[in-house]
Amino acid sequence: MALILIAHADRKFSDIIQRVLHSYGFEGVTARTGEEALQFFHEQSPALVLLDLGLLGKPGLEVLTEIRSRAPHLPVVICGGEQSLAVEDRARQLGVSDVLRRGLRMDIIMQAVQTALSLASHPSHSVPPLAM
């Protein structure tokens, strides 16, 4: 059972996605702040991170930067939030697997999770990042 870190400021969303992940056979652990997210990341070694860039405390981009410094190939899916295009572009430059907008159906989110995990387990099938 793959462990997925759900780093999201919205407790209701986190609880819902945790239950959905469980129904798909994944284990989910939740964090509401950037500090909690990094603590779980360091202690639990998740297979994937669902990251809200609008985390409480330490900003999501800082969390993403630290995750990338320690686990450059770990799948990270940006989930929710109303980030600016500049912030979204920076997240993409840091190698996120996908950027999902708020309000998507759970099956779309789960498809992104499964795709990111699949690409991580078969890196030869992944698409190289665009040159900037």
C-alpha atoms as a PDB file:
ATOM      1  CA  MET A   1       0.000   0.000   0.000  1.00  0.00           C
ATOM      2  CA  ALA A   2       1.594   3.252  -1.141  1.00  0.00           C
ATOM      3  CA  LEU A   3       1.741   6.090   1.380  1.00  0.00           C
ATOM      4  CA  ILE A   4       0.587   9.470   0.074  1.00  0.00           C
ATOM      5  CA  LEU A   5       1.185  12.730   1.912  1.00  0.00           C
ATOM      6  CA  ILE A   6      -1.788  15.086   1.630  1.00  0.00           C
ATOM      7  CA  ALA A   7      -0.422  18.549   2.426  1.00  0.00           C
ATOM      8  CA  HIS A   8      -3.479  20.780   2.234  1.00  0.00           C
ATOM      9  CA  ALA A   9      -4.732  23.674   4.358  1.00  0.00           C
ATOM     10  CA  ASP A  10      -8.397  22.651   3.963  1.00  0.00           C
ATOM     11  CA  ARG A  11      -9.126  19.966   6.569  1.00  0.00           C
ATOM     12  CA  LYS A  12     -12.424  18.956   4.893  1.00  0.00           C
ATOM     13  CA  PHE A  13     -10.699  18.392   1.519  1.00  0.00           C
ATOM     14  CA  SER A  14      -7.885  16.453   3.226  1.00  0.00           C
ATOM     15  CA  ASP A  15     -10.343  14.175   5.022  1.00  0.00           C
ATOM     16  CA  ILE A  16     -12.295  13.499   1.829  1.00  0.00           C
ATOM     17  CA  ILE A  17      -9.218  12.777  -0.288  1.00  0.00           C
ATOM     18  CA  GLN A  18      -7.817  10.550   2.475  1.00  0.00           C
ATOM     19  CA  ARG A  19     -10.998   8.427   2.405  1.00  0.00           C
ATOM     20  CA  VAL A  20     -10.970   8.298  -1.411  1.00  0.00           C
ATOM     21  CA  LEU A  21      -7.295   7.275  -1.430  1.00  0.00           C
ATOM     22  CA  HIS A  22      -8.086   4.508   1.053  1.00  0.00           C
ATOM     23  CA  SER A  23     -10.885   3.228  -1.210  1.00  0.00           C
ATOM     24  CA  TYR A  24      -8.284   2.964  -4.014  1.00  0.00           C
ATOM     25  CA  GLY A  25      -5.915   0.996  -1.766  1.00  0.00           C
ATOM     26  CA  PHE A  26      -3.602   3.833  -0.715  1.00  0.00           C
ATOM     27  CA  GLU A  27      -2.740   5.068   2.740  1.00  0.00           C
ATOM     28  CA  GLY A  28      -2.983   8.824   3.231  1.00  0.00           C
ATOM     29  CA  VAL A  29      -1.418  10.987   5.922  1.00  0.00           C
ATOM     30  CA  THR A  30      -2.464  14.626   6.227  1.00  0.00           C
ATOM     31  CA  ALA A  31      -0.674  17.857   7.075  1.00  0.00           C
ATOM     32  CA  ARG A  32      -2.185  21.351   7.213  1.00  0.00           C
ATOM     33  CA  THR A  33       0.988  23.388   7.550  1.00  0.00           C
ATOM     34  CA  GLY A  34       4.218  23.477   5.595  1.00  0.00           C
ATOM     35  CA  GLU A  35       6.137  22.506   8.712  1.00  0.00           C
ATOM     36  CA  GLU A  36       3.923  19.441   9.320  1.00  0.00           C
ATOM     37  CA  ALA A  37       4.248  18.456   5.665  1.00  0.00           C
ATOM     38  CA  LEU A  38       8.045  18.529   5.817  1.00  0.00           C
ATOM     39  CA  GLN A  39       8.073  16.634   9.112  1.00  0.00           C
ATOM     40  CA  PHE A  40       5.909  13.858   7.629  1.00  0.00           C
ATOM     41  CA  PHE A  41       7.969  13.890   4.438  1.00  0.00           C
ATOM     42  CA  HIS A  42      11.206  13.356   6.375  1.00  0.00           C
ATOM     43  CA  GLU A  43       9.760  10.745   8.758  1.00  0.00           C
ATOM     44  CA  GLN A  44       7.495   8.719   6.460  1.00  0.00           C
ATOM     45  CA  SER A  45       9.073   8.751   2.963  1.00  0.00           C
ATOM     46  CA  PRO A  46       5.805   8.969   1.007  1.00  0.00           C
ATOM     47  CA  ALA A  47       5.445   7.560  -2.504  1.00  0.00           C
ATOM     48  CA  LEU A  48       3.674  10.750  -3.649  1.00  0.00           C
ATOM     49  CA  VAL A  49       2.774  14.197  -2.286  1.00  0.00           C
ATOM     50  CA  LEU A  50      -0.503  15.994  -2.962  1.00  0.00           C
ATOM     51  CA  LEU A  51       0.538  19.580  -2.267  1.00  0.00           C
ATOM     52  CA  ASP A  52      -1.530  22.721  -1.760  1.00  0.00           C
ATOM     53  CA  LEU A  53       0.660  25.741  -2.499  1.00  0.00           C
ATOM     54  CA  GLY A  54      -1.480  27.749  -0.059  1.00  0.00           C
ATOM     55  CA  LEU A  55      -0.415  25.829   3.037  1.00  0.00           C
ATOM     56  CA  LEU A  56      -0.557  27.462   6.424  1.00  0.00           C
ATOM     57  CA  GLY A  57       2.819  28.462   7.883  1.00  0.00           C
ATOM     58  CA  LYS A  58       5.683  27.696   5.513  1.00  0.00           C
ATOM     59  CA  PRO A  59       4.540  28.405   1.921  1.00  0.00           C
ATOM     60  CA  GLY A  60       3.932  25.524  -0.467  1.00  0.00           C
ATOM     61  CA  LEU A  61       6.682  26.590  -2.884  1.00  0.00           C
ATOM     62  CA  GLU A  62       9.228  26.454  -0.042  1.00  0.00           C
ATOM     63  CA  VAL A  63       7.958  22.994   0.893  1.00  0.00           C
ATOM     64  CA  LEU A  64       8.230  21.894  -2.736  1.00  0.00           C
ATOM     65  CA  THR A  65      11.764  23.297  -3.000  1.00  0.00           C
ATOM     66  CA  GLU A  66      12.870  21.353   0.081  1.00  0.00           C
ATOM     67  CA  ILE A  67      11.202  18.158  -1.135  1.00  0.00           C
ATOM     68  CA  ARG A  68      12.968  18.542  -4.488  1.00  0.00           C
ATOM     69  CA  SER A  69      16.353  19.061  -2.774  1.00  0.00           C
ATOM     70  CA  ARG A  70      16.007  15.704  -0.981  1.00  0.00           C
ATOM     71  CA  ALA A  71      13.881  13.693  -3.430  1.00  0.00           C
ATOM     72  CA  PRO A  72      14.228  15.115  -6.947  1.00  0.00           C
ATOM     73  CA  HIS A  73      12.132  12.373  -8.577  1.00  0.00           C
ATOM     74  CA  LEU A  74       9.346  12.018  -6.007  1.00  0.00           C
ATOM     75  CA  PRO A  75       5.968  12.588  -7.682  1.00  0.00           C
ATOM     76  CA  VAL A  76       4.325  15.780  -6.442  1.00  0.00           C
ATOM     77  CA  VAL A  77       0.879  16.804  -7.629  1.00  0.00           C
ATOM     78  CA  ILE A  78      -0.247  20.366  -6.931  1.00  0.00           C
ATOM     79  CA  CYS A  79      -3.840  20.117  -5.795  1.00  0.00           C
ATOM     80  CA  GLY A  80      -6.236  22.992  -5.268  1.00  0.00           C
ATOM     81  CA  GLY A  81      -5.624  26.600  -4.572  1.00  0.00           C
ATOM     82  CA  GLU A  82      -5.869  29.687  -6.686  1.00  0.00           C
ATOM     83  CA  GLN A  83      -2.176  30.269  -7.329  1.00  0.00           C
ATOM     84  CA  SER A  84      -1.007  32.782  -9.890  1.00  0.00           C
ATOM     85  CA  LEU A  85       0.371  31.615 -13.216  1.00  0.00           C
ATOM     86  CA  ALA A  86       3.852  32.710 -12.094  1.00  0.00           C
ATOM     87  CA  VAL A  87       3.634  30.477  -9.003  1.00  0.00           C
ATOM     88  CA  GLU A  88       2.250  27.629 -11.097  1.00  0.00           C
ATOM     89  CA  ASP A  89       5.099  28.066 -13.605  1.00  0.00           C
ATOM     90  CA  ARG A  90       7.651  27.981 -10.775  1.00  0.00           C
ATOM     91  CA  ALA A  91       6.102  24.763  -9.467  1.00  0.00           C
ATOM     92  CA  ARG A  92       6.349  23.251 -12.951  1.00  0.00           C
ATOM     93  CA  GLN A  93      10.016  24.314 -13.160  1.00  0.00           C
ATOM     94  CA  LEU A  94      10.546  22.420  -9.904  1.00  0.00           C
ATOM     95  CA  GLY A  95       9.239  19.295 -11.627  1.00  0.00           C
ATOM     96  CA  VAL A  96       5.730  18.703 -10.343  1.00  0.00           C
ATOM     97  CA  SER A  97       3.901  15.814 -11.948  1.00  0.00           C
ATOM     98  CA  ASP A  98       0.667  17.730 -12.457  1.00  0.00           C
ATOM     99  CA  VAL A  99      -1.189  20.888 -11.438  1.00  0.00           C
ATOM    100  CA  LEU A 100      -4.858  20.383 -10.595  1.00  0.00           C
ATOM    101  CA  ARG A 101      -7.313  23.200 -10.088  1.00  0.00           C
ATOM    102  CA  ARG A 102      -9.802  23.466  -7.261  1.00  0.00           C
ATOM    103  CA  GLY A 103     -13.190  21.860  -7.826  1.00  0.00           C
ATOM    104  CA  LEU A 104     -12.140  18.822  -9.864  1.00  0.00           C
ATOM    105  CA  ARG A 105     -13.982  15.551  -9.391  1.00  0.00           C
ATOM    106  CA  MET A 106     -12.245  12.951  -7.234  1.00  0.00           C
ATOM    107  CA  ASP A 107     -11.919  10.518 -10.140  1.00  0.00           C
ATOM    108  CA  ILE A 108      -9.859  13.130 -12.035  1.00  0.00           C
ATOM    109  CA  ILE A 109      -7.631  13.652  -8.988  1.00  0.00           C
ATOM    110  CA  MET A 110      -7.202   9.892  -8.589  1.00  0.00           C
ATOM    111  CA  GLN A 111      -6.313   9.539 -12.265  1.00  0.00           C
ATOM    112  CA  ALA A 112      -3.554  12.145 -11.781  1.00  0.00           C
ATOM    113  CA  VAL A 113      -2.307  10.293  -8.675  1.00  0.00           C
ATOM    114  CA  GLN A 114      -2.206   6.945 -10.464  1.00  0.00           C
ATOM    115  CA  THR A 115      -0.520   8.437 -13.532  1.00  0.00           C
ATOM    116  CA  ALA A 116       2.143  10.160 -11.418  1.00  0.00           C
ATOM    117  CA  LEU A 117       2.850   6.956  -9.475  1.00  0.00           C
ATOM    118  CA  SER A 118       2.982   4.934 -12.684  1.00  0.00           C
ATOM    119  CA  LEU A 119       5.425   7.348 -14.325  1.00  0.00           C
ATOM    120  CA  ALA A 120       7.571   7.368 -11.183  1.00  0.00           C
ATOM    121  CA  SER A 121       7.810   3.581 -11.216  1.00  0.00           C
ATOM    122  CA  HIS A 122       8.622   3.568 -14.963  1.00  0.00           C
ATOM    123  CA  PRO A 123      10.808   6.660 -15.487  1.00  0.00           C
ATOM    124  CA  SER A 124      11.698   5.671 -19.042  1.00  0.00           C
ATOM    125  CA  HIS A 125       8.083   6.463 -19.976  1.00  0.00           C
ATOM    126  CA  SER A 126       8.093   9.920 -18.474  1.00  0.00           C
ATOM    127  CA  VAL A 127       8.230  13.043 -20.560  1.00  0.00           C
ATOM    128  CA  PRO A 128      11.370  15.134 -20.006  1.00  0.00           C
ATOM    129  CA  PRO A 129      10.797  18.662 -18.671  1.00  0.00           C
ATOM    130  CA  LEU A 130      10.737  21.505 -21.171  1.00  0.00           C
ATOM    131  CA  ALA A 131      13.967  23.442 -21.514  1.00  0.00           C
ATOM    132  CA  MET A 132      13.643  26.953 -20.139  1.00  0.00           C
END
